[in-house]
Protein backbone atom coordinates (compact mmCIF):
# COMPACT_ATOMS: atom_id res chain seq x y z
CA LEU A 1 -25.18 -13.31 -4.16
CA ALA A 2 -24.71 -9.97 -5.95
CA GLN A 3 -23.86 -8.31 -2.63
CA ILE A 4 -21.01 -10.74 -2.00
CA PHE A 5 -19.69 -10.09 -5.52
CA LEU A 6 -19.75 -6.31 -4.85
CA VAL A 7 -17.85 -6.80 -1.57
CA LEU A 8 -15.21 -8.91 -3.28
CA LYS A 9 -14.87 -6.36 -6.06
CA LYS A 10 -14.52 -3.57 -3.48
CA LYS A 11 -11.77 -5.49 -1.63
CA GLN A 12 -9.95 -6.12 -4.91
CA PHE A 13 -10.21 -2.40 -5.79
CA GLU A 14 -8.79 -1.44 -2.40
CA LYS A 15 -5.89 -3.87 -2.90
CA VAL A 16 -5.10 -2.34 -6.29
CA GLN A 17 -5.27 1.14 -4.79
CA LEU A 18 -2.82 0.13 -2.06
CA SER A 19 -0.39 -1.35 -4.58
CA GLU A 20 -0.60 1.82 -6.66
CA MET A 21 0.16 3.95 -3.58
CA ASN A 22 3.24 1.86 -2.84
CA PHE A 23 4.70 2.60 -6.27
């Protein structure tokens, strides 16, 4: 359960990083 949460958090972080790079 904790592993899935970490994976989701990682994906969210990557998404934020991509949006920051676009700006």
